[in-house]
Amino acid sequence: VIGDTTIAENRADCSFIWENTYDEESQINEYAVTFFLRED
């Protein structure tokens, strides 16, 4: 379902890109989450 997919969302004060990488041998999913946070 979510392995090797990318999720992105844009909001008023923050945005993010959520990249999934799944390794079937170890059964471990890596989330690389990049945030763009609005400053004052």
PDB file of all heavy atoms in Angstrom:
ATOM      1  N   VAL A   1       0.814  -1.226   0.000  1.00  0.00           N
ATOM      2  CA  VAL A   1       0.000   0.000   0.000  1.00  0.00           C
ATOM      3  C   VAL A   1       0.843   1.270   0.000  1.00  0.00           C
ATOM      4  O   VAL A   1       0.673   2.137  -0.853  1.00  0.00           O
ATOM      5  CB  VAL A   1      -0.978   0.009   1.194  1.00  0.00           C
ATOM      6  CG1 VAL A   1      -1.840   1.275   1.188  1.00  0.00           C
ATOM      7  CG2 VAL A   1      -1.863  -1.238   1.169  1.00  0.00           C
ATOM      8  N   ILE A   2       1.749   1.403   0.964  1.00  0.00           N
ATOM      9  CA  ILE A   2       2.476   2.674   1.062  1.00  0.00           C
ATOM     10  C   ILE A   2       3.946   2.572   0.690  1.00  0.00           C
ATOM     11  O   ILE A   2       4.612   3.600   0.542  1.00  0.00           O
ATOM     12  CB  ILE A   2       2.358   3.282   2.477  1.00  0.00           C
ATOM     13  CG1 ILE A   2       3.028   2.381   3.520  1.00  0.00           C
ATOM     14  CG2 ILE A   2       0.905   3.556   2.825  1.00  0.00           C
ATOM     15  CD1 ILE A   2       3.081   3.027   4.901  1.00  0.00           C
ATOM     16  N   GLY A   3       4.472   1.344   0.559  1.00  0.00           N
ATOM     17  CA  GLY A   3       5.880   1.209   0.221  1.00  0.00           C
ATOM     18  C   GLY A   3       6.220   1.868  -1.107  1.00  0.00           C
ATOM     19  O   GLY A   3       5.495   1.710  -2.092  1.00  0.00           O
ATOM     20  N   ASP A   4       7.310   2.626  -1.118  1.00  0.00           N
ATOM     21  CA  ASP A   4       7.823   3.283  -2.330  1.00  0.00           C
ATOM     22  C   ASP A   4       6.819   4.266  -2.941  1.00  0.00           C
ATOM     23  O   ASP A   4       6.778   4.472  -4.158  1.00  0.00           O
ATOM     24  CB  ASP A   4       8.230   2.241  -3.369  1.00  0.00           C
ATOM     25  CG  ASP A   4       9.301   1.305  -2.847  1.00  0.00           C
ATOM     26  OD1 ASP A   4      10.251   1.803  -2.220  1.00  0.00           O
ATOM     27  OD2 ASP A   4       9.177   0.086  -3.045  1.00  0.00           O
ATOM     28  N   THR A   5       5.994   4.887  -2.103  1.00  0.00           N
ATOM     29  CA  THR A   5       5.086   5.941  -2.558  1.00  0.00           C
ATOM     30  C   THR A   5       5.514   7.271  -1.953  1.00  0.00           C
ATOM     31  O   THR A   5       6.237   7.315  -0.959  1.00  0.00           O
ATOM     32  CB  THR A   5       3.628   5.661  -2.156  1.00  0.00           C
ATOM     33  OG1 THR A   5       3.525   5.666  -0.728  1.00  0.00           O
ATOM     34  CG2 THR A   5       3.160   4.323  -2.694  1.00  0.00           C
ATOM     35  N   THR A   6       5.059   8.347  -2.570  1.00  0.00           N
ATOM     36  CA  THR A   6       5.339   9.694  -2.062  1.00  0.00           C
ATOM     37  C   THR A   6       4.029  10.413  -1.803  1.00  0.00           C
ATOM     38  O   THR A   6       3.123  10.405  -2.636  1.00  0.00           O
ATOM     39  CB  THR A   6       6.174  10.500  -3.077  1.00  0.00           C
ATOM     40  OG1 THR A   6       7.433   9.832  -3.278  1.00  0.00           O
ATOM     41  CG2 THR A   6       6.439  11.902  -2.563  1.00  0.00           C
ATOM     42  N   ILE A   7       3.931  11.022  -0.623  1.00  0.00           N
ATOM     43  CA  ILE A   7       2.743  11.780  -0.220  1.00  0.00           C
ATOM     44  C   ILE A   7       3.169  13.222   0.000  1.00  0.00           C
ATOM     45  O   ILE A   7       4.191  13.493   0.636  1.00  0.00           O
ATOM     46  CB  ILE A   7       2.139  11.205   1.064  1.00  0.00           C
ATOM     47  CG1 ILE A   7       1.829   9.715   0.900  1.00  0.00           C
ATOM     48  CG2 ILE A   7       0.882  11.979   1.470  1.00  0.00           C
ATOM     49  CD1 ILE A   7       1.527   9.006   2.199  1.00  0.00           C
ATOM     50  N   ALA A   8       2.405  14.157  -0.526  1.00  0.00           N
ATOM     51  CA  ALA A   8       2.727  15.575  -0.348  1.00  0.00           C
ATOM     52  C   ALA A   8       1.461  16.332   0.012  1.00  0.00           C
ATOM     53  O   ALA A   8       0.364  16.002  -0.442  1.00  0.00           O
ATOM     54  CB  ALA A   8       3.343  16.149  -1.615  1.00  0.00           C
ATOM     55  N   GLU A   9       1.629  17.352   0.842  1.00  0.00           N
ATOM     56  CA  GLU A   9       0.486  18.165   1.232  1.00  0.00           C
ATOM     57  C   GLU A   9       0.949  19.591   1.481  1.00  0.00           C
ATOM     58  O   GLU A   9       2.013  19.819   2.059  1.00  0.00           O
ATOM     59  CB  GLU A   9      -0.171  17.595   2.495  1.00  0.00           C
ATOM     60  CG  GLU A   9      -1.481  18.273   2.846  1.00  0.00           C
ATOM     61  CD  GLU A   9      -2.243  17.535   3.935  1.00  0.00           C
ATOM     62  OE1 GLU A   9      -2.028  16.314   4.082  1.00  0.00           O
ATOM     63  OE2 GLU A   9      -3.049  18.176   4.630  1.00  0.00           O
ATOM     64  N   ASN A  10       0.148  20.531   1.048  1.00  0.00           N
ATOM     65  CA  ASN A  10       0.479  21.945   1.200  1.00  0.00           C
ATOM     66  C   ASN A  10      -0.582  22.638   2.036  1.00  0.00           C
ATOM     67  O   ASN A  10      -1.774  22.564   1.731  1.00  0.00           O
ATOM     68  CB  ASN A  10       0.563  22.616  -0.182  1.00  0.00           C
ATOM     69  CG  ASN A  10       1.008  24.054  -0.095  1.00  0.00           C
ATOM     70  OD1 ASN A  10       1.807  24.413   0.768  1.00  0.00           O
ATOM     71  ND2 ASN A  10       0.490  24.894  -0.975  1.00  0.00           N
ATOM     72  N   ARG A  11      -0.156  23.287   3.125  1.00  0.00           N
ATOM     73  CA  ARG A  11      -1.080  24.026   3.985  1.00  0.00           C
ATOM     74  C   ARG A  11      -0.574  25.448   4.153  1.00  0.00           C
ATOM     75  O   ARG A  11       0.513  25.790   3.701  1.00  0.00           O
ATOM     76  CB  ARG A  11      -1.222  23.334   5.336  1.00  0.00           C
ATOM     77  CG  ARG A  11      -1.765  21.907   5.224  1.00  0.00           C
ATOM     78  CD  ARG A  11      -2.328  21.420   6.515  1.00  0.00           C
ATOM     79  NE  ARG A  11      -2.849  20.063   6.406  1.00  0.00           N
ATOM     80  CZ  ARG A  11      -3.572  19.475   7.350  1.00  0.00           C
ATOM     81  NH1 ARG A  11      -3.856  20.125   8.467  1.00  0.00           N
ATOM     82  NH2 ARG A  11      -4.014  18.240   7.185  1.00  0.00           N
ATOM     83  N   ALA A  12      -1.346  26.258   4.837  1.00  0.00           N
ATOM     84  CA  ALA A  12      -1.030  27.689   4.918  1.00  0.00           C
ATOM     85  C   ALA A  12       0.314  27.952   5.591  1.00  0.00           C
ATOM     86  O   ALA A  12       1.111  28.760   5.122  1.00  0.00           O
ATOM     87  CB  ALA A  12      -2.146  28.419   5.665  1.00  0.00           C
ATOM     88  N   ASP A  13       0.568  27.267   6.716  1.00  0.00           N
ATOM     89  CA  ASP A  13       1.773  27.561   7.489  1.00  0.00           C
ATOM     90  C   ASP A  13       2.848  26.492   7.374  1.00  0.00           C
ATOM     91  O   ASP A  13       3.943  26.654   7.904  1.00  0.00           O
ATOM     92  CB  ASP A  13       1.414  27.749   8.966  1.00  0.00           C
ATOM     93  CG  ASP A  13       0.550  28.986   9.169  1.00  0.00           C
ATOM     94  OD1 ASP A  13       0.782  29.994   8.476  1.00  0.00           O
ATOM     95  OD2 ASP A  13      -0.365  28.939  10.019  1.00  0.00           O
ATOM     96  N   CYS A  14       2.541  25.401   6.709  1.00  0.00           N
ATOM     97  CA  CYS A  14       3.541  24.342   6.565  1.00  0.00           C
ATOM     98  C   CYS A  14       3.154  23.432   5.408  1.00  0.00           C
ATOM     99  O   CYS A  14       1.987  23.335   5.037  1.00  0.00           O
ATOM    100  CB  CYS A  14       3.675  23.519   7.853  1.00  0.00           C
ATOM    101  SG  CYS A  14       2.171  22.644   8.322  1.00  0.00           S
ATOM    102  N   SER A  15       4.159  22.803   4.850  1.00  0.00           N
ATOM    103  CA  SER A  15       3.962  21.807   3.801  1.00  0.00           C
ATOM    104  C   SER A  15       4.913  20.657   4.079  1.00  0.00           C
ATOM    105  O   SER A  15       5.894  20.805   4.823  1.00  0.00           O
ATOM    106  CB  SER A  15       4.264  22.405   2.420  1.00  0.00           C
ATOM    107  OG  SER A  15       3.448  23.530   2.159  1.00  0.00           O
ATOM    108  N   PHE A  16       4.614  19.489   3.494  1.00  0.00           N
ATOM    109  CA  PHE A  16       5.532  18.380   3.689  1.00  0.00           C
ATOM    110  C   PHE A  16       5.533  17.470   2.473  1.00  0.00           C
ATOM    111  O   PHE A  16       4.565  17.411   1.706  1.00  0.00           O
ATOM    112  CB  PHE A  16       5.179  17.579   4.947  1.00  0.00           C
ATOM    113  CG  PHE A  16       3.940  16.726   4.817  1.00  0.00           C
ATOM    114  CD1 PHE A  16       4.000  15.434   4.326  1.00  0.00           C
ATOM    115  CD2 PHE A  16       2.704  17.223   5.217  1.00  0.00           C
ATOM    116  CE1 PHE A  16       2.869  14.652   4.218  1.00  0.00           C
ATOM    117  CE2 PHE A  16       1.554  16.442   5.116  1.00  0.00           C
ATOM    118  CZ  PHE A  16       1.643  15.154   4.611  1.00  0.00           C
ATOM    119  N   ILE A  17       6.644  16.778   2.303  1.00  0.00           N
ATOM    120  CA  ILE A  17       6.788  15.708   1.315  1.00  0.00           C
ATOM    121  C   ILE A  17       7.203  14.459   2.082  1.00  0.00           C
ATOM    122  O   ILE A  17       8.210  14.445   2.788  1.00  0.00           O
ATOM    123  CB  ILE A  17       7.846  16.046   0.253  1.00  0.00           C
ATOM    124  CG1 ILE A  17       7.459  17.345  -0.478  1.00  0.00           C
ATOM    125  CG2 ILE A  17       8.001  14.900  -0.741  1.00  0.00           C
ATOM    126  CD1 ILE A  17       8.548  17.846  -1.410  1.00  0.00           C
ATOM    127  N   TRP A  18       6.404  13.398   1.956  1.00  0.00           N
ATOM    128  CA  TRP A  18       6.574  12.173   2.730  1.00  0.00           C
ATOM    129  C   TRP A  18       6.936  11.050   1.754  1.00  0.00           C
ATOM    130  O   TRP A  18       6.091  10.547   1.036  1.00  0.00           O
ATOM    131  CB  TRP A  18       5.274  11.859   3.450  1.00  0.00           C
ATOM    132  CG  TRP A  18       5.319  10.780   4.490  1.00  0.00           C
ATOM    133  CD1 TRP A  18       5.718   9.496   4.320  1.00  0.00           C
ATOM    134  CD2 TRP A  18       4.904  10.901   5.850  1.00  0.00           C
ATOM    135  NE1 TRP A  18       5.579   8.789   5.483  1.00  0.00           N
ATOM    136  CE2 TRP A  18       5.081   9.631   6.449  1.00  0.00           C
ATOM    137  CE3 TRP A  18       4.405  11.947   6.620  1.00  0.00           C
ATOM    138  CZ2 TRP A  18       4.757   9.385   7.778  1.00  0.00           C
ATOM    139  CZ3 TRP A  18       4.091  11.704   7.939  1.00  0.00           C
ATOM    140  CH2 TRP A  18       4.275  10.446   8.522  1.00  0.00           C
ATOM    141  N   GLU A  19       8.211  10.672   1.741  1.00  0.00           N
ATOM    142  CA  GLU A  19       8.693   9.651   0.804  1.00  0.00           C
ATOM    143  C   GLU A  19       8.919   8.324   1.526  1.00  0.00           C
ATOM    144  O   GLU A  19       9.625   8.271   2.526  1.00  0.00           O
ATOM    145  CB  GLU A  19       9.991  10.113   0.153  1.00  0.00           C
ATOM    146  CG  GLU A  19       9.857  11.400  -0.658  1.00  0.00           C
ATOM    147  CD  GLU A  19      11.183  11.903  -1.159  1.00  0.00           C
ATOM    148  OE1 GLU A  19      11.897  12.548  -0.373  1.00  0.00           O
ATOM    149  OE2 GLU A  19      11.515  11.653  -2.334  1.00  0.00           O
ATOM    150  N   ASN A  20       8.295   7.267   1.010  1.00  0.00           N
ATOM    151  CA  ASN A  20       8.413   5.944   1.612  1.00  0.00           C
ATOM    152  C   ASN A  20       9.358   5.065   0.791  1.00  0.00           C
ATOM    153  O   ASN A  20       9.289   5.063  -0.443  1.00  0.00           O
ATOM    154  CB  ASN A  20       7.050   5.257   1.662  1.00  0.00           C
ATOM    155  CG  ASN A  20       6.068   5.991   2.549  1.00  0.00           C
ATOM    156  OD1 ASN A  20       6.076   5.824   3.759  1.00  0.00           O
ATOM    157  ND2 ASN A  20       5.209   6.797   1.947  1.00  0.00           N
ATOM    158  N   THR A  21      10.188   4.318   1.484  1.00  0.00           N
ATOM    159  CA  THR A  21      11.047   3.325   0.840  1.00  0.00           C
ATOM    160  C   THR A  21      10.956   2.041   1.651  1.00  0.00           C
ATOM    161  O   THR A  21      11.312   2.021   2.837  1.00  0.00           O
ATOM    162  CB  THR A  21      12.503   3.788   0.773  1.00  0.00           C
ATOM    163  OG1 THR A  21      12.572   5.056   0.105  1.00  0.00           O
ATOM    164  CG2 THR A  21      13.359   2.779   0.017  1.00  0.00           C
ATOM    165  N   TYR A  22      10.461   0.982   1.022  1.00  0.00           N
ATOM    166  CA  TYR A  22      10.243  -0.280   1.737  1.00  0.00           C
ATOM    167  C   TYR A  22      11.272  -1.318   1.319  1.00  0.00           C
ATOM    168  O   TYR A  22      11.526  -1.514   0.126  1.00  0.00           O
ATOM    169  CB  TYR A  22       8.835  -0.813   1.463  1.00  0.00           C
ATOM    170  CG  TYR A  22       8.561  -2.149   2.116  1.00  0.00           C
ATOM    171  CD1 TYR A  22       8.393  -2.243   3.490  1.00  0.00           C
ATOM    172  CD2 TYR A  22       8.487  -3.312   1.353  1.00  0.00           C
ATOM    173  CE1 TYR A  22       8.147  -3.459   4.094  1.00  0.00           C
ATOM    174  CE2 TYR A  22       8.239  -4.542   1.952  1.00  0.00           C
ATOM    175  CZ  TYR A  22       8.068  -4.607   3.327  1.00  0.00           C
ATOM    176  OH  TYR A  22       7.823  -5.811   3.920  1.00  0.00           O
ATOM    177  N   ASP A  23      11.870  -1.988   2.320  1.00  0.00           N
ATOM    178  CA  ASP A  23      12.808  -3.076   2.068  1.00  0.00           C
ATOM    179  C   ASP A  23      12.131  -4.386   2.456  1.00  0.00           C
ATOM    180  O   ASP A  23      11.869  -4.641   3.641  1.00  0.00           O
ATOM    181  CB  ASP A  23      14.082  -2.884   2.882  1.00  0.00           C
ATOM    182  CG  ASP A  23      15.103  -3.979   2.596  1.00  0.00           C
ATOM    183  OD1 ASP A  23      15.801  -3.880   1.583  1.00  0.00           O
ATOM    184  OD2 ASP A  23      15.174  -4.935   3.401  1.00  0.00           O
ATOM    185  N   GLU A  24      11.835  -5.216   1.462  1.00  0.00           N
ATOM    186  CA  GLU A  24      11.055  -6.427   1.708  1.00  0.00           C
ATOM    187  C   GLU A  24      11.814  -7.439   2.547  1.00  0.00           C
ATOM    188  O   GLU A  24      11.215  -8.175   3.345  1.00  0.00           O
ATOM    189  CB  GLU A  24      10.622  -7.051   0.387  1.00  0.00           C
ATOM    190  CG  GLU A  24       9.581  -8.131   0.545  1.00  0.00           C
ATOM    191  CD  GLU A  24       8.852  -8.431  -0.752  1.00  0.00           C
ATOM    192  OE1 GLU A  24       8.971  -7.643  -1.710  1.00  0.00           O
ATOM    193  OE2 GLU A  24       8.149  -9.457  -0.779  1.00  0.00           O
ATOM    194  N   GLU A  25      13.117  -7.490   2.413  1.00  0.00           N
ATOM    195  CA  GLU A  25      13.895  -8.476   3.167  1.00  0.00           C
ATOM    196  C   GLU A  25      13.857  -8.192   4.661  1.00  0.00           C
ATOM    197  O   GLU A  25      13.652  -9.095   5.477  1.00  0.00           O
ATOM    198  CB  GLU A  25      15.340  -8.499   2.669  1.00  0.00           C
ATOM    199  CG  GLU A  25      16.197  -9.538   3.375  1.00  0.00           C
ATOM    200  CD  GLU A  25      17.605  -9.599   2.813  1.00  0.00           C
ATOM    201  OE1 GLU A  25      17.870  -8.951   1.785  1.00  0.00           O
ATOM    202  OE2 GLU A  25      18.440 -10.307   3.400  1.00  0.00           O
ATOM    203  N   SER A  26      14.050  -6.937   5.033  1.00  0.00           N
ATOM    204  CA  SER A  26      14.061  -6.572   6.452  1.00  0.00           C
ATOM    205  C   SER A  26      12.673  -6.244   6.979  1.00  0.00           C
ATOM    206  O   SER A  26      12.475  -6.150   8.191  1.00  0.00           O
ATOM    207  CB  SER A  26      14.973  -5.361   6.674  1.00  0.00           C
ATOM    208  OG  SER A  26      14.433  -4.203   6.038  1.00  0.00           O
ATOM    209  N   GLN A  27      11.707  -6.054   6.066  1.00  0.00           N
ATOM    210  CA  GLN A  27      10.341  -5.645   6.402  1.00  0.00           C
ATOM    211  C   GLN A  27      10.300  -4.256   7.047  1.00  0.00           C
ATOM    212  O   GLN A  27       9.390  -3.933   7.797  1.00  0.00           O
ATOM    213  CB  GLN A  27       9.661  -6.664   7.324  1.00  0.00           C
ATOM    214  CG  GLN A  27       9.482  -8.042   6.725  1.00  0.00           C
ATOM    215  CD  GLN A  27       8.872  -9.024   7.688  1.00  0.00           C
ATOM    216  OE1 GLN A  27       9.485 -10.020   8.077  1.00  0.00           O
ATOM    217  NE2 GLN A  27       7.653  -8.754   8.101  1.00  0.00           N
ATOM    218  N   ILE A  28      11.288  -3.442   6.712  1.00  0.00           N
ATOM    219  CA  ILE A  28      11.374  -2.104   7.296  1.00  0.00           C
ATOM    220  C   ILE A  28      11.038  -1.049   6.250  1.00  0.00           C
ATOM    221  O   ILE A  28      11.520  -1.100   5.119  1.00  0.00           O
ATOM    222  CB  ILE A  28      12.788  -1.847   7.875  1.00  0.00           C
ATOM    223  CG1 ILE A  28      13.011  -2.748   9.097  1.00  0.00           C
ATOM    224  CG2 ILE A  28      12.959  -0.378   8.260  1.00  0.00           C
ATOM    225  CD1 ILE A  28      14.398  -2.661   9.684  1.00  0.00           C
ATOM    226  N   ASN A  29      10.198  -0.114   6.651  1.00  0.00           N
ATOM    227  CA  ASN A  29       9.815   1.005   5.797  1.00  0.00           C
ATOM    228  C   ASN A  29      10.481   2.282   6.313  1.00  0.00           C
ATOM    229  O   ASN A  29      10.400   2.585   7.508  1.00  0.00           O
ATOM    230  CB  ASN A  29       8.292   1.194   5.808  1.00  0.00           C
ATOM    231  CG  ASN A  29       7.822   2.142   4.718  1.00  0.00           C
ATOM    232  OD1 ASN A  29       7.699   1.756   3.562  1.00  0.00           O
ATOM    233  ND2 ASN A  29       7.572   3.386   5.091  1.00  0.00           N
ATOM    234  N   GLU A  30      11.160   2.984   5.417  1.00  0.00           N
ATOM    235  CA  GLU A  30      11.786   4.260   5.780  1.00  0.00           C
ATOM    236  C   GLU A  30      10.883   5.404   5.338  1.00  0.00           C
ATOM    237  O   GLU A  30      10.425   5.448   4.202  1.00  0.00           O
ATOM    238  CB  GLU A  30      13.149   4.415   5.100  1.00  0.00           C
ATOM    239  CG  GLU A  30      13.804   5.768   5.374  1.00  0.00           C
ATOM    240  CD  GLU A  30      15.070   5.965   4.553  1.00  0.00           C
ATOM    241  OE1 GLU A  30      16.123   5.467   4.967  1.00  0.00           O
ATOM    242  OE2 GLU A  30      14.979   6.617   3.492  1.00  0.00           O
ATOM    243  N   TYR A  31      10.621   6.316   6.268  1.00  0.00           N
ATOM    244  CA  TYR A  31       9.922   7.552   5.948  1.00  0.00           C
ATOM    245  C   TYR A  31      10.943   8.688   5.917  1.00  0.00           C
ATOM    246  O   TYR A  31      11.584   8.964   6.937  1.00  0.00           O
ATOM    247  CB  TYR A  31       8.894   7.909   7.010  1.00  0.00           C
ATOM    248  CG  TYR A  31       7.809   6.896   7.282  1.00  0.00           C
ATOM    249  CD1 TYR A  31       7.891   6.039   8.375  1.00  0.00           C
ATOM    250  CD2 TYR A  31       6.685   6.830   6.478  1.00  0.00           C
ATOM    251  CE1 TYR A  31       6.884   5.137   8.655  1.00  0.00           C
ATOM    252  CE2 TYR A  31       5.672   5.924   6.749  1.00  0.00           C
ATOM    253  CZ  TYR A  31       5.768   5.082   7.833  1.00  0.00           C
ATOM    254  OH  TYR A  31       4.771   4.191   8.110  1.00  0.00           O
ATOM    255  N   ALA A  32      11.092   9.323   4.785  1.00  0.00           N
ATOM    256  CA  ALA A  32      11.877  10.554   4.706  1.00  0.00           C
ATOM    257  C   ALA A  32      10.876  11.695   4.606  1.00  0.00           C
ATOM    258  O   ALA A  32      10.202  11.860   3.593  1.00  0.00           O
ATOM    259  CB  ALA A  32      12.801  10.533   3.505  1.00  0.00           C
ATOM    260  N   VAL A  33      10.737  12.444   5.685  1.00  0.00           N
ATOM    261  CA  VAL A  33       9.716  13.497   5.751  1.00  0.00           C
ATOM    262  C   VAL A  33      10.402  14.862   5.708  1.00  0.00           C
ATOM    263  O   VAL A  33      11.165  15.212   6.613  1.00  0.00           O
ATOM    264  CB  VAL A  33       8.863  13.381   7.025  1.00  0.00           C
ATOM    265  CG1 VAL A  33       7.679  14.338   6.958  1.00  0.00           C
ATOM    266  CG2 VAL A  33       8.386  11.959   7.235  1.00  0.00           C
ATOM    267  N   THR A  34      10.143  15.604   4.638  1.00  0.00           N
ATOM    268  CA  THR A  34      10.712  16.940   4.481  1.00  0.00           C
ATOM    269  C   THR A  34       9.628  17.969   4.766  1.00  0.00           C
ATOM    270  O   THR A  34       8.550  17.946   4.160  1.00  0.00           O
ATOM    271  CB  THR A  34      11.264  17.149   3.062  1.00  0.00           C
ATOM    272  OG1 THR A  34      12.286  16.163   2.813  1.00  0.00           O
ATOM    273  CG2 THR A  34      11.854  18.535   2.904  1.00  0.00           C
ATOM    274  N   PHE A  35       9.916  18.869   5.711  1.00  0.00           N
ATOM    275  CA  PHE A  35       8.963  19.898   6.117  1.00  0.00           C
ATOM    276  C   PHE A  35       9.407  21.255   5.599  1.00  0.00           C
ATOM    277  O   PHE A  35      10.608  21.569   5.555  1.00  0.00           O
ATOM    278  CB  PHE A  35       8.876  19.986   7.643  1.00  0.00           C
ATOM    279  CG  PHE A  35       8.511  18.704   8.312  1.00  0.00           C
ATOM    280  CD1 PHE A  35       9.498  17.861   8.817  1.00  0.00           C
ATOM    281  CD2 PHE A  35       7.195  18.319   8.436  1.00  0.00           C
ATOM    282  CE1 PHE A  35       9.174  16.676   9.434  1.00  0.00           C
ATOM    283  CE2 PHE A  35       6.852  17.132   9.049  1.00  0.00           C
ATOM    284  CZ  PHE A  35       7.848  16.312   9.543  1.00  0.00           C
ATOM    285  N   PHE A  36       8.435  22.064   5.250  1.00  0.00           N
ATOM    286  CA  PHE A  36       8.669  23.467   4.917  1.00  0.00           C
ATOM    287  C   PHE A  36       7.817  24.273   5.890  1.00  0.00           C
ATOM    288  O   PHE A  36       6.588  24.336   5.776  1.00  0.00           O
ATOM    289  CB  PHE A  36       8.279  23.755   3.463  1.00  0.00           C
ATOM    290  CG  PHE A  36       9.044  22.928   2.466  1.00  0.00           C
ATOM    291  CD1 PHE A  36       8.592  21.674   2.080  1.00  0.00           C
ATOM    292  CD2 PHE A  36      10.239  23.396   1.935  1.00  0.00           C
ATOM    293  CE1 PHE A  36       9.300  20.901   1.178  1.00  0.00           C
ATOM    294  CE2 PHE A  36      10.961  22.633   1.025  1.00  0.00           C
ATOM    295  CZ  PHE A  36      10.493  21.382   0.647  1.00  0.00           C
ATOM    296  N   LEU A  37       8.473  24.858   6.889  1.00  0.00           N
ATOM    297  CA  LEU A  37       7.786  25.513   7.999  1.00  0.00           C
ATOM    298  C   LEU A  37       7.827  27.023   7.834  1.00  0.00           C
ATOM    299  O   LEU A  37       8.899  27.618   7.670  1.00  0.00           O
ATOM    300  CB  LEU A  37       8.432  25.113   9.325  1.00  0.00           C
ATOM    301  CG  LEU A  37       8.572  23.598   9.560  1.00  0.00           C
ATOM    302  CD1 LEU A  37       9.387  23.323  10.801  1.00  0.00           C
ATOM    303  CD2 LEU A  37       7.214  22.953   9.638  1.00  0.00           C
ATOM    304  N   ARG A  38       6.671  27.662   7.888  1.00  0.00           N
ATOM    305  CA  ARG A  38       6.568  29.102   7.708  1.00  0.00           C
ATOM    306  C   ARG A  38       7.090  29.840   8.944  1.00  0.00           C
ATOM    307  O   ARG A  38       6.671  29.581  10.065  1.00  0.00           O
ATOM    308  CB  ARG A  38       5.121  29.509   7.449  1.00  0.00           C
ATOM    309  CG  ARG A  38       4.927  30.983   7.113  1.00  0.00           C
ATOM    310  CD  ARG A  38       3.447  31.285   6.895  1.00  0.00           C
ATOM    311  NE  ARG A  38       3.194  32.682   6.639  1.00  0.00           N
ATOM    312  CZ  ARG A  38       3.228  33.254   5.439  1.00  0.00           C
ATOM    313  NH1 ARG A  38       3.491  32.507   4.379  1.00  0.00           N
ATOM    314  NH2 ARG A  38       2.985  34.536   5.288  1.00  0.00           N
ATOM    315  N   GLU A  39       8.034  30.748   8.731  1.00  0.00           N
ATOM    316  CA  GLU A  39       8.583  31.565   9.810  1.00  0.00           C
ATOM    317  C   GLU A  39       7.773  32.847   9.967  1.00  0.00           C
ATOM    318  O   GLU A  39       6.918  33.174   9.138  1.00  0.00           O
ATOM    319  CB  GLU A  39      10.057  31.905   9.512  1.00  0.00           C
ATOM    320  CG  GLU A  39      10.939  30.686   9.273  1.00  0.00           C
ATOM    321  CD  GLU A  39      11.355  29.988  10.554  1.00  0.00           C
ATOM    322  OE1 GLU A  39      10.624  30.057  11.559  1.00  0.00           O
ATOM    323  OE2 GLU A  39      12.417  29.358  10.542  1.00  0.00           O
ATOM    324  N   ASP A  40       8.065  33.585  11.046  1.00  0.00           N
ATOM    325  CA  ASP A  40       7.332  34.820  11.308  1.00  0.00           C
ATOM    326  C   ASP A  40       7.525  35.865  10.213  1.00  0.00           C
ATOM    327  O   ASP A  40       6.644  36.704   9.979  1.00  0.00           O
ATOM    328  CB  ASP A  40       7.782  35.416  12.660  1.00  0.00           C
ATOM    329  CG  ASP A  40       7.349  34.544  13.830  1.00  0.00           C
ATOM    330  OD1 ASP A  40       6.385  33.765  13.655  1.00  0.00           O
ATOM    331  OD2 ASP A  40       7.972  34.638  14.898  1.00  0.00           O
TER     332      ASP A  40
END
